[in-house]
Amino acid sequence: MKENQKLIDCNGSEITINIAAITIGYSRYNRRKIIIDKDMDTLIAFLAECFKTIGGSPKELVIDNLRQVVTKLRYKDNSAIFNNKFE
Protein backbone atom coordinates (compact mmCIF):
# COMPACT_ATOMS: atom_id res chain seq x y z
CA MET A 1 0.00 0.00 0.00
CA LYS A 2 1.38 3.36 -1.01
CA GLU A 3 -0.34 5.76 1.36
CA ASN A 4 -1.28 9.43 1.37
CA GLN A 5 -0.27 10.39 -2.16
CA LYS A 6 -1.23 13.93 -3.13
CA LEU A 7 -2.69 14.55 -6.58
CA ILE A 8 -3.37 17.98 -8.02
CA ASP A 9 -5.79 18.37 -10.94
CA CYS A 10 -5.59 20.94 -13.74
CA ASN A 11 -7.62 23.39 -11.61
CA GLY A 12 -5.18 23.17 -8.71
CA SER A 13 -7.50 21.10 -6.48
CA GLU A 14 -5.67 18.60 -4.29
CA ILE A 15 -6.86 15.11 -3.36
CA THR A 16 -5.15 12.48 -1.22
CA ILE A 17 -5.22 8.92 -2.52
CA ASN A 18 -3.79 5.53 -1.57
CA ILE A 19 -2.61 2.85 -3.97
CA ALA A 20 -3.28 -0.76 -3.03
CA ALA A 21 -1.02 -3.26 -4.82
CA ILE A 22 -0.55 -7.00 -5.01
CA THR A 23 2.12 -9.02 -6.86
CA ILE A 24 1.88 -12.77 -7.32
CA GLY A 25 5.36 -14.19 -6.73
CA TYR A 26 5.66 -16.89 -9.38
CA SER A 27 4.01 -15.15 -12.33
CA ARG A 28 4.86 -11.59 -11.21
CA TYR A 29 1.22 -10.71 -12.01
CA ASN A 30 0.67 -7.27 -10.56
CA ARG A 31 -2.55 -5.41 -9.85
CA ARG A 32 -2.97 -1.93 -8.42
CA LYS A 33 -5.99 0.12 -7.48
CA ILE A 34 -6.42 3.71 -6.39
CA ILE A 35 -8.46 3.89 -3.20
CA ILE A 36 -9.55 6.87 -1.13
CA ASP A 37 -9.83 5.23 2.29
CA LYS A 38 -7.46 2.62 3.65
CA ASP A 39 -9.55 0.78 6.21
CA MET A 40 -9.63 -2.98 6.69
CA ASP A 41 -12.86 -3.54 4.72
CA THR A 42 -11.44 -1.74 1.68
CA LEU A 43 -8.24 -3.77 1.86
CA ILE A 44 -10.12 -7.07 2.16
CA ALA A 45 -12.39 -6.11 -0.76
CA PHE A 46 -9.30 -5.31 -2.87
CA LEU A 47 -7.69 -8.68 -2.06
CA ALA A 48 -10.95 -10.56 -2.73
CA GLU A 49 -11.31 -8.79 -6.09
CA CYS A 50 -7.73 -9.73 -7.02
CA PHE A 51 -8.17 -13.38 -6.01
CA LYS A 52 -11.40 -13.59 -7.99
CA THR A 53 -9.64 -12.18 -11.05
CA ILE A 54 -6.78 -14.68 -10.88
CA GLY A 55 -9.11 -17.59 -10.07
CA GLY A 56 -7.94 -18.46 -6.56
CA SER A 57 -5.87 -17.37 -3.61
CA PRO A 58 -2.20 -17.96 -2.83
CA LYS A 59 -1.12 -20.29 -0.03
CA GLU A 60 0.83 -17.48 1.57
CA LEU A 61 0.67 -13.68 1.68
CA VAL A 62 3.75 -11.60 2.40
CA ILE A 63 2.69 -8.31 3.93
CA ASP A 64 5.16 -5.55 4.68
CA ASN A 65 4.00 -4.29 8.10
CA LEU A 66 0.76 -2.88 6.70
CA ARG A 67 -0.91 -0.90 9.51
CA GLN A 68 -4.41 -2.13 8.66
CA VAL A 69 -3.30 -5.74 9.09
CA VAL A 70 -0.56 -5.81 11.72
CA THR A 71 -1.18 -5.09 15.39
CA LYS A 72 2.51 -5.47 16.29
CA LEU A 73 5.07 -4.76 13.59
CA ARG A 74 7.62 -7.32 12.42
CA TYR A 75 11.06 -6.10 13.43
CA LYS A 76 14.39 -7.88 13.11
CA ASP A 77 13.92 -11.25 14.86
CA ASN A 78 10.37 -10.57 16.13
CA SER A 79 7.41 -11.85 14.13
CA ALA A 80 4.46 -9.62 13.33
CA ILE A 81 1.16 -10.05 15.14
CA PHE A 82 -1.85 -9.80 12.83
CA ASN A 83 -5.15 -8.33 13.92
CA ASN A 84 -8.03 -10.78 14.36
CA LYS A 85 -10.24 -9.42 11.59
CA PHE A 86 -7.55 -9.94 8.97
CA GLU A 87 -6.68 -13.44 10.13
PDB file of N, CA and C in Angstrom:
ATOM      1  N   MET A   1       0.854  -1.171   0.000  1.00  0.00           N
ATOM      2  CA  MET A   1       0.000   0.000   0.000  1.00  0.00           C
ATOM      3  C   MET A   1       0.900   1.235   0.000  1.00  0.00           C
ATOM      4  N   LYS A   2       0.715   2.064  -0.979  1.00  0.00           N
ATOM      5  CA  LYS A   2       1.385   3.364  -1.011  1.00  0.00           C
ATOM      6  C   LYS A   2       0.369   4.356  -0.489  1.00  0.00           C
ATOM      7  N   GLU A   3       0.659   4.958   0.654  1.00  0.00           N
ATOM      8  CA  GLU A   3      -0.338   5.760   1.363  1.00  0.00           C
ATOM      9  C   GLU A   3      -0.126   7.260   1.206  1.00  0.00           C
ATOM     10  N   ASN A   4      -1.257   7.973   1.281  1.00  0.00           N
ATOM     11  CA  ASN A   4      -1.284   9.431   1.366  1.00  0.00           C
ATOM     12  C   ASN A   4      -0.519  10.126   0.240  1.00  0.00           C
ATOM     13  N   GLN A   5      -0.858   9.750  -0.985  1.00  0.00           N
ATOM     14  CA  GLN A   5      -0.266  10.387  -2.156  1.00  0.00           C
ATOM     15  C   GLN A   5      -1.128  11.575  -2.571  1.00  0.00           C
ATOM     16  N   LYS A   6      -0.510  12.711  -2.763  1.00  0.00           N
ATOM     17  CA  LYS A   6      -1.227  13.934  -3.128  1.00  0.00           C
ATOM     18  C   LYS A   6      -1.293  14.051  -4.652  1.00  0.00           C
ATOM     19  N   LEU A   7      -2.485  14.285  -5.165  1.00  0.00           N
ATOM     20  CA  LEU A   7      -2.687  14.552  -6.582  1.00  0.00           C
ATOM     21  C   LEU A   7      -3.274  15.941  -6.726  1.00  0.00           C
ATOM     22  N   ILE A   8      -2.841  16.648  -7.750  1.00  0.00           N
ATOM     23  CA  ILE A   8      -3.366  17.980  -8.024  1.00  0.00           C
ATOM     24  C   ILE A   8      -3.905  17.963  -9.449  1.00  0.00           C
ATOM     25  N   ASP A   9      -5.187  18.365  -9.600  1.00  0.00           N
ATOM     26  CA  ASP A   9      -5.787  18.370 -10.937  1.00  0.00           C
ATOM     27  C   ASP A   9      -5.443  19.666 -11.672  1.00  0.00           C
ATOM     28  N   CYS A  10      -5.922  19.779 -12.906  1.00  0.00           N
ATOM     29  CA  CYS A  10      -5.587  20.940 -13.743  1.00  0.00           C
ATOM     30  C   CYS A  10      -6.129  22.260 -13.180  1.00  0.00           C
ATOM     31  N   ASN A  11      -7.078  22.188 -12.255  1.00  0.00           N
ATOM     32  CA  ASN A  11      -7.620  23.390 -11.615  1.00  0.00           C
ATOM     33  C   ASN A  11      -6.905  23.741 -10.318  1.00  0.00           C
ATOM     34  N   GLY A  12      -5.929  22.913  -9.935  1.00  0.00           N
ATOM     35  CA  GLY A  12      -5.181  23.166  -8.714  1.00  0.00           C
ATOM     36  C   GLY A  12      -5.788  22.542  -7.474  1.00  0.00           C
ATOM     37  N   SER A  13      -6.888  21.779  -7.621  1.00  0.00           N
ATOM     38  CA  SER A  13      -7.499  21.100  -6.476  1.00  0.00           C
ATOM     39  C   SER A  13      -6.655  19.891  -6.089  1.00  0.00           C
ATOM     40  N   GLU A  14      -6.498  19.700  -4.800  1.00  0.00           N
ATOM     41  CA  GLU A  14      -5.673  18.599  -4.294  1.00  0.00           C
ATOM     42  C   GLU A  14      -6.552  17.514  -3.695  1.00  0.00           C
ATOM     43  N   ILE A  15      -6.178  16.258  -3.961  1.00  0.00           N
ATOM     44  CA  ILE A  15      -6.862  15.109  -3.356  1.00  0.00           C
ATOM     45  C   ILE A  15      -5.786  14.145  -2.868  1.00  0.00           C
ATOM     46  N   THR A  16      -6.071  13.481  -1.761  1.00  0.00           N
ATOM     47  CA  THR A  16      -5.153  12.484  -1.223  1.00  0.00           C
ATOM     48  C   THR A  16      -5.688  11.099  -1.567  1.00  0.00           C
ATOM     49  N   ILE A  17      -4.839  10.276  -2.153  1.00  0.00           N
ATOM     50  CA  ILE A  17      -5.224   8.919  -2.520  1.00  0.00           C
ATOM     51  C   ILE A  17      -4.262   7.915  -1.909  1.00  0.00           C
ATOM     52  N   ASN A  18      -4.637   6.654  -1.986  1.00  0.00           N
ATOM     53  CA  ASN A  18      -3.788   5.535  -1.574  1.00  0.00           C
ATOM     54  C   ASN A  18      -3.787   4.558  -2.739  1.00  0.00           C
ATOM     55  N   ILE A  19      -2.707   3.819  -2.888  1.00  0.00           N
ATOM     56  CA  ILE A  19      -2.608   2.853  -3.972  1.00  0.00           C
ATOM     57  C   ILE A  19      -2.381   1.473  -3.359  1.00  0.00           C
ATOM     58  N   ALA A  20      -3.405   0.619  -3.495  1.00  0.00           N
ATOM     59  CA  ALA A  20      -3.281  -0.762  -3.034  1.00  0.00           C
ATOM     60  C   ALA A  20      -2.622  -1.555  -4.154  1.00  0.00           C
ATOM     61  N   ALA A  21      -1.719  -2.472  -3.810  1.00  0.00           N
ATOM     62  CA  ALA A  21      -1.017  -3.257  -4.822  1.00  0.00           C
ATOM     63  C   ALA A  21      -0.813  -4.685  -4.345  1.00  0.00           C
ATOM     64  N   ILE A  22      -0.833  -5.606  -5.299  1.00  0.00           N
ATOM     65  CA  ILE A  22      -0.545  -7.004  -5.012  1.00  0.00           C
ATOM     66  C   ILE A  22       0.293  -7.555  -6.168  1.00  0.00           C
ATOM     67  N   THR A  23       1.297  -8.352  -5.853  1.00  0.00           N
ATOM     68  CA  THR A  23       2.117  -9.016  -6.859  1.00  0.00           C
ATOM     69  C   THR A  23       2.164 -10.497  -6.519  1.00  0.00           C
ATOM     70  N   ILE A  24       1.817 -11.319  -7.498  1.00  0.00           N
ATOM     71  CA  ILE A  24       1.884 -12.775  -7.318  1.00  0.00           C
ATOM     72  C   ILE A  24       3.320 -13.205  -7.621  1.00  0.00           C
ATOM     73  N   GLY A  25       3.941 -13.872  -6.654  1.00  0.00           N
ATOM     74  CA  GLY A  25       5.358 -14.193  -6.726  1.00  0.00           C
ATOM     75  C   GLY A  25       5.814 -14.935  -7.968  1.00  0.00           C
ATOM     76  N   TYR A  26       5.189 -16.054  -8.284  1.00  0.00           N
ATOM     77  CA  TYR A  26       5.660 -16.892  -9.384  1.00  0.00           C
ATOM     78  C   TYR A  26       5.484 -16.222 -10.740  1.00  0.00           C
ATOM     79  N   SER A  27       4.307 -15.722 -11.013  1.00  0.00           N
ATOM     80  CA  SER A  27       4.014 -15.151 -12.333  1.00  0.00           C
ATOM     81  C   SER A  27       4.398 -13.681 -12.441  1.00  0.00           C
ATOM     82  N   ARG A  28       4.598 -13.025 -11.294  1.00  0.00           N
ATOM     83  CA  ARG A  28       4.856 -11.587 -11.210  1.00  0.00           C
ATOM     84  C   ARG A  28       3.646 -10.771 -11.659  1.00  0.00           C
ATOM     85  N   TYR A  29       2.470 -11.421 -11.698  1.00  0.00           N
ATOM     86  CA  TYR A  29       1.224 -10.711 -12.011  1.00  0.00           C
ATOM     87  C   TYR A  29       1.065  -9.609 -10.980  1.00  0.00           C
ATOM     88  N   ASN A  30       0.757  -8.412 -11.450  1.00  0.00           N
ATOM     89  CA  ASN A  30       0.666  -7.271 -10.564  1.00  0.00           C
ATOM     90  C   ASN A  30      -0.642  -6.542 -10.818  1.00  0.00           C
ATOM     91  N   ARG A  31      -1.299  -6.164  -9.740  1.00  0.00           N
ATOM     92  CA  ARG A  31      -2.550  -5.413  -9.853  1.00  0.00           C
ATOM     93  C   ARG A  31      -2.501  -4.273  -8.850  1.00  0.00           C
ATOM     94  N   ARG A  32      -2.938  -3.112  -9.280  1.00  0.00           N
ATOM     95  CA  ARG A  32      -2.969  -1.928  -8.420  1.00  0.00           C
ATOM     96  C   ARG A  32      -4.321  -1.262  -8.537  1.00  0.00           C
ATOM     97  N   LYS A  33      -4.701  -0.567  -7.470  1.00  0.00           N
ATOM     98  CA  LYS A  33      -5.990   0.120  -7.484  1.00  0.00           C
ATOM     99  C   LYS A  33      -5.872   1.377  -6.631  1.00  0.00           C
ATOM    100  N   ILE A  34      -6.377   2.464  -7.161  1.00  0.00           N
ATOM    101  CA  ILE A  34      -6.424   3.711  -6.395  1.00  0.00           C
ATOM    102  C   ILE A  34      -7.632   3.636  -5.472  1.00  0.00           C
ATOM    103  N   ILE A  35      -7.382   3.895  -4.198  1.00  0.00           N
ATOM    104  CA  ILE A  35      -8.456   3.889  -3.201  1.00  0.00           C
ATOM    105  C   ILE A  35      -8.371   5.180  -2.385  1.00  0.00           C
ATOM    106  N   ILE A  36      -9.514   5.639  -1.927  1.00  0.00           N
ATOM    107  CA  ILE A  36      -9.545   6.867  -1.132  1.00  0.00           C
ATOM    108  C   ILE A  36      -9.303   6.552   0.342  1.00  0.00           C
ATOM    109  N   ASP A  37     -10.063   5.599   0.885  1.00  0.00           N
ATOM    110  CA  ASP A  37      -9.834   5.234   2.293  1.00  0.00           C
ATOM    111  C   ASP A  37      -8.949   3.994   2.342  1.00  0.00           C
ATOM    112  N   LYS A  38      -8.379   3.745   3.506  1.00  0.00           N
ATOM    113  CA  LYS A  38      -7.458   2.616   3.651  1.00  0.00           C
ATOM    114  C   LYS A  38      -7.824   1.746   4.851  1.00  0.00           C
ATOM    115  N   ASP A  39      -9.111   1.590   5.074  1.00  0.00           N
ATOM    116  CA  ASP A  39      -9.549   0.781   6.205  1.00  0.00           C
ATOM    117  C   ASP A  39      -9.503  -0.712   5.852  1.00  0.00           C
ATOM    118  N   MET A  40      -9.730  -1.534   6.840  1.00  0.00           N
ATOM    119  CA  MET A  40      -9.635  -2.981   6.690  1.00  0.00           C
ATOM    120  C   MET A  40     -10.618  -3.518   5.654  1.00  0.00           C
ATOM    121  N   ASP A  41     -11.858  -3.046   5.670  1.00  0.00           N
ATOM    122  CA  ASP A  41     -12.861  -3.537   4.720  1.00  0.00           C
ATOM    123  C   ASP A  41     -12.462  -3.249   3.275  1.00  0.00           C
ATOM    124  N   THR A  42     -11.897  -2.086   3.023  1.00  0.00           N
ATOM    125  CA  THR A  42     -11.444  -1.735   1.676  1.00  0.00           C
ATOM    126  C   THR A  42     -10.295  -2.640   1.253  1.00  0.00           C
ATOM    127  N   LEU A  43      -9.368  -2.893   2.159  1.00  0.00           N
ATOM    128  CA  LEU A  43      -8.241  -3.774   1.858  1.00  0.00           C
ATOM    129  C   LEU A  43      -8.706  -5.200   1.556  1.00  0.00           C
ATOM    130  N   ILE A  44      -9.605  -5.713   2.374  1.00  0.00           N
ATOM    131  CA  ILE A  44     -10.120  -7.075   2.160  1.00  0.00           C
ATOM    132  C   ILE A  44     -10.885  -7.157   0.842  1.00  0.00           C
ATOM    133  N   ALA A  45     -11.662  -6.134   0.524  1.00  0.00           N
ATOM    134  CA  ALA A  45     -12.390  -6.107  -0.756  1.00  0.00           C
ATOM    135  C   ALA A  45     -11.409  -6.097  -1.929  1.00  0.00           C
ATOM    136  N   PHE A  46     -10.320  -5.346  -1.817  1.00  0.00           N
ATOM    137  CA  PHE A  46      -9.297  -5.313  -2.868  1.00  0.00           C
ATOM    138  C   PHE A  46      -8.675  -6.695  -3.059  1.00  0.00           C
ATOM    139  N   LEU A  47      -8.294  -7.345  -1.971  1.00  0.00           N
ATOM    140  CA  LEU A  47      -7.694  -8.683  -2.063  1.00  0.00           C
ATOM    141  C   LEU A  47      -8.678  -9.686  -2.654  1.00  0.00           C
ATOM    142  N   ALA A  48      -9.932  -9.635  -2.207  1.00  0.00           N
ATOM    143  CA  ALA A  48     -10.951 -10.558  -2.733  1.00  0.00           C
ATOM    144  C   ALA A  48     -11.142 -10.351  -4.231  1.00  0.00           C
ATOM    145  N   GLU A  49     -11.175  -9.106  -4.661  1.00  0.00           N
ATOM    146  CA  GLU A  49     -11.311  -8.790  -6.088  1.00  0.00           C
ATOM    147  C   GLU A  49     -10.128  -9.355  -6.889  1.00  0.00           C
ATOM    148  N   CYS A  50      -8.930  -9.200  -6.350  1.00  0.00           N
ATOM    149  CA  CYS A  50      -7.735  -9.727  -7.017  1.00  0.00           C
ATOM    150  C   CYS A  50      -7.768 -11.254  -7.108  1.00  0.00           C
ATOM    151  N   PHE A  51      -8.134 -11.916  -6.010  1.00  0.00           N
ATOM    152  CA  PHE A  51      -8.167 -13.377  -6.006  1.00  0.00           C
ATOM    153  C   PHE A  51      -9.235 -13.897  -6.956  1.00  0.00           C
ATOM    154  N   LYS A  52     -10.345 -13.194  -7.049  1.00  0.00           N
ATOM    155  CA  LYS A  52     -11.397 -13.590  -7.989  1.00  0.00           C
ATOM    156  C   LYS A  52     -10.889 -13.478  -9.427  1.00  0.00           C
ATOM    157  N   THR A  53     -10.173 -12.405  -9.712  1.00  0.00           N
ATOM    158  CA  THR A  53      -9.637 -12.177 -11.052  1.00  0.00           C
ATOM    159  C   THR A  53      -8.646 -13.264 -11.462  1.00  0.00           C
ATOM    160  N   ILE A  54      -7.787 -13.678 -10.525  1.00  0.00           N
ATOM    161  CA  ILE A  54      -6.778 -14.684 -10.877  1.00  0.00           C
ATOM    162  C   ILE A  54      -7.297 -16.117 -10.721  1.00  0.00           C
ATOM    163  N   GLY A  55      -8.493 -16.268 -10.167  1.00  0.00           N
ATOM    164  CA  GLY A  55      -9.106 -17.590 -10.068  1.00  0.00           C
ATOM    165  C   GLY A  55      -8.699 -18.405  -8.853  1.00  0.00           C
ATOM    166  N   GLY A  56      -8.290 -17.751  -7.791  1.00  0.00           N
ATOM    167  CA  GLY A  56      -7.940 -18.459  -6.559  1.00  0.00           C
ATOM    168  C   GLY A  56      -7.119 -17.571  -5.652  1.00  0.00           C
ATOM    169  N   SER A  57      -6.682 -18.142  -4.551  1.00  0.00           N
ATOM    170  CA  SER A  57      -5.867 -17.372  -3.612  1.00  0.00           C
ATOM    171  C   SER A  57      -4.544 -18.094  -3.374  1.00  0.00           C
ATOM    172  N   PRO A  58      -3.496 -17.332  -3.087  1.00  0.00           N
ATOM    173  CA  PRO A  58      -2.200 -17.958  -2.828  1.00  0.00           C
ATOM    174  C   PRO A  58      -2.197 -18.671  -1.470  1.00  0.00           C
ATOM    175  N   LYS A  59      -1.270 -19.586  -1.306  1.00  0.00           N
ATOM    176  CA  LYS A  59      -1.123 -20.289  -0.030  1.00  0.00           C
ATOM    177  C   LYS A  59      -0.569 -19.363   1.048  1.00  0.00           C
ATOM    178  N   GLU A  60       0.159 -18.358   0.624  1.00  0.00           N
ATOM    179  CA  GLU A  60       0.831 -17.480   1.570  1.00  0.00           C
ATOM    180  C   GLU A  60       0.786 -16.042   1.070  1.00  0.00           C
ATOM    181  N   LEU A  61       0.578 -15.112   1.983  1.00  0.00           N
ATOM    182  CA  LEU A  61       0.668 -13.683   1.681  1.00  0.00           C
ATOM    183  C   LEU A  61       1.865 -13.108   2.426  1.00  0.00           C
ATOM    184  N   VAL A  62       2.648 -12.306   1.757  1.00  0.00           N
ATOM    185  CA  VAL A  62       3.751 -11.596   2.395  1.00  0.00           C
ATOM    186  C   VAL A  62       3.323 -10.140   2.487  1.00  0.00           C
ATOM    187  N   ILE A  63       3.188  -9.654   3.698  1.00  0.00           N
ATOM    188  CA  ILE A  63       2.686  -8.307   3.935  1.00  0.00           C
ATOM    189  C   ILE A  63       3.761  -7.514   4.669  1.00  0.00           C
ATOM    190  N   ASP A  64       4.065  -6.354   4.163  1.00  0.00           N
ATOM    191  CA  ASP A  64       5.158  -5.547   4.679  1.00  0.00           C
ATOM    192  C   ASP A  64       4.679  -4.572   5.753  1.00  0.00           C
ATOM    193  N   ASN A  65       4.380  -5.114   6.938  1.00  0.00           N
ATOM    194  CA  ASN A  65       4.003  -4.292   8.097  1.00  0.00           C
ATOM    195  C   ASN A  65       2.876  -3.300   7.814  1.00  0.00           C
ATOM    196  N   LEU A  66       1.900  -3.718   7.053  1.00  0.00           N
ATOM    197  CA  LEU A  66       0.764  -2.877   6.697  1.00  0.00           C
ATOM    198  C   LEU A  66      -0.062  -2.579   7.949  1.00  0.00           C
ATOM    199  N   ARG A  67      -0.247  -1.318   8.262  1.00  0.00           N
ATOM    200  CA  ARG A  67      -0.909  -0.899   9.509  1.00  0.00           C
ATOM    201  C   ARG A  67      -2.315  -1.464   9.685  1.00  0.00           C
ATOM    202  N   GLN A  68      -3.043  -1.625   8.583  1.00  0.00           N
ATOM    203  CA  GLN A  68      -4.410  -2.127   8.664  1.00  0.00           C
ATOM    204  C   GLN A  68      -4.439  -3.603   9.050  1.00  0.00           C
ATOM    205  N   VAL A  69      -3.352  -4.295   8.904  1.00  0.00           N
ATOM    206  CA  VAL A  69      -3.299  -5.744   9.086  1.00  0.00           C
ATOM    207  C   VAL A  69      -2.525  -6.149  10.343  1.00  0.00           C
ATOM    208  N   VAL A  70      -1.490  -5.416  10.657  1.00  0.00           N
ATOM    209  CA  VAL A  70      -0.560  -5.805  11.716  1.00  0.00           C
ATOM    210  C   VAL A  70      -0.823  -5.006  12.986  1.00  0.00           C
ATOM    211  N   THR A  71      -1.010  -5.725  14.085  1.00  0.00           N
ATOM    212  CA  THR A  71      -1.176  -5.094  15.393  1.00  0.00           C
ATOM    213  C   THR A  71       0.184  -4.745  15.984  1.00  0.00           C
ATOM    214  N   LYS A  72       1.133  -5.690  15.840  1.00  0.00           N
ATOM    215  CA  LYS A  72       2.506  -5.471  16.293  1.00  0.00           C
ATOM    216  C   LYS A  72       3.415  -5.697  15.094  1.00  0.00           C
ATOM    217  N   LEU A  73       4.230  -4.701  14.772  1.00  0.00           N
ATOM    218  CA  LEU A  73       5.073  -4.758  13.590  1.00  0.00           C
ATOM    219  C   LEU A  73       6.156  -5.823  13.680  1.00  0.00           C
ATOM    220  N   ARG A  74       6.483  -6.406  12.516  1.00  0.00           N
ATOM    221  CA  ARG A  74       7.621  -7.318  12.418  1.00  0.00           C
ATOM    222  C   ARG A  74       8.872  -6.448  12.480  1.00  0.00           C
ATOM    223  N   TYR A  75       9.831  -6.859  13.286  1.00  0.00           N
ATOM    224  CA  TYR A  75      11.059  -6.097  13.430  1.00  0.00           C
ATOM    225  C   TYR A  75      12.200  -7.034  13.757  1.00  0.00           C
ATOM    226  N   LYS A  76      13.215  -7.024  12.943  1.00  0.00           N
ATOM    227  CA  LYS A  76      14.395  -7.882  13.107  1.00  0.00           C
ATOM    228  C   LYS A  76      13.975  -9.320  13.362  1.00  0.00           C
ATOM    229  N   ASP A  77      14.205  -9.844  14.551  1.00  0.00           N
ATOM    230  CA  ASP A  77      13.918 -11.250  14.858  1.00  0.00           C
ATOM    231  C   ASP A  77      12.512 -11.487  15.398  1.00  0.00           C
ATOM    232  N   ASN A  78      11.722 -10.430  15.592  1.00  0.00           N
ATOM    233  CA  ASN A  78      10.371 -10.573  16.131  1.00  0.00           C
ATOM    234  C   ASN A  78       9.346 -10.689  15.003  1.00  0.00           C
ATOM    235  N   SER A  79       8.466 -11.667  15.120  1.00  0.00           N
ATOM    236  CA  SER A  79       7.408 -11.850  14.126  1.00  0.00           C
ATOM    237  C   SER A  79       6.313 -10.811  14.325  1.00  0.00           C
ATOM    238  N   ALA A  80       5.602 -10.533  13.257  1.00  0.00           N
ATOM    239  CA  ALA A  80       4.462  -9.620  13.330  1.00  0.00           C
ATOM    240  C   ALA A  80       3.289 -10.319  14.004  1.00  0.00           C
ATOM    241  N   ILE A  81       2.417  -9.539  14.602  1.00  0.00           N
ATOM    242  CA  ILE A  81       1.159 -10.050  15.141  1.00  0.00           C
ATOM    243  C   ILE A  81       0.044  -9.420  14.322  1.00  0.00           C
ATOM    244  N   PHE A  82      -0.779 -10.272  13.695  1.00  0.00           N
ATOM    245  CA  PHE A  82      -1.854  -9.801  12.834  1.00  0.00           C
ATOM    246  C   PHE A  82      -3.108  -9.546  13.652  1.00  0.00           C
ATOM    247  N   ASN A  83      -3.907  -8.571  13.211  1.00  0.00           N
ATOM    248  CA  ASN A  83      -5.152  -8.334  13.923  1.00  0.00           C
ATOM    249  C   ASN A  83      -6.155  -9.435  13.578  1.00  0.00           C
ATOM    250  N   ASN A  84      -7.091  -9.664  14.480  1.00  0.00           N
ATOM    251  CA  ASN A  84      -8.029 -10.781  14.364  1.00  0.00           C
ATOM    252  C   ASN A  84      -8.895 -10.718  13.119  1.00  0.00           C
ATOM    253  N   LYS A  85      -9.348  -9.540  12.750  1.00  0.00           N
ATOM    254  CA  LYS A  85     -10.237  -9.417  11.591  1.00  0.00           C
ATOM    255  C   LYS A  85      -9.529  -9.862  10.314  1.00  0.00           C
ATOM    256  N   PHE A  86      -8.270  -9.527  10.171  1.00  0.00           N
ATOM    257  CA  PHE A  86      -7.550  -9.935   8.966  1.00  0.00           C
ATOM    258  C   PHE A  86      -7.296 -11.436   8.950  1.00  0.00           C
ATOM    259  N   GLU A  87      -6.918 -11.988  10.081  1.00  0.00           N
ATOM    260  CA  GLU A  87      -6.680 -13.440  10.130  1.00  0.00           C
ATOM    261  C   GLU A  87      -7.947 -14.199   9.801  1.00  0.00           C
TER     262      GLU A  87
END
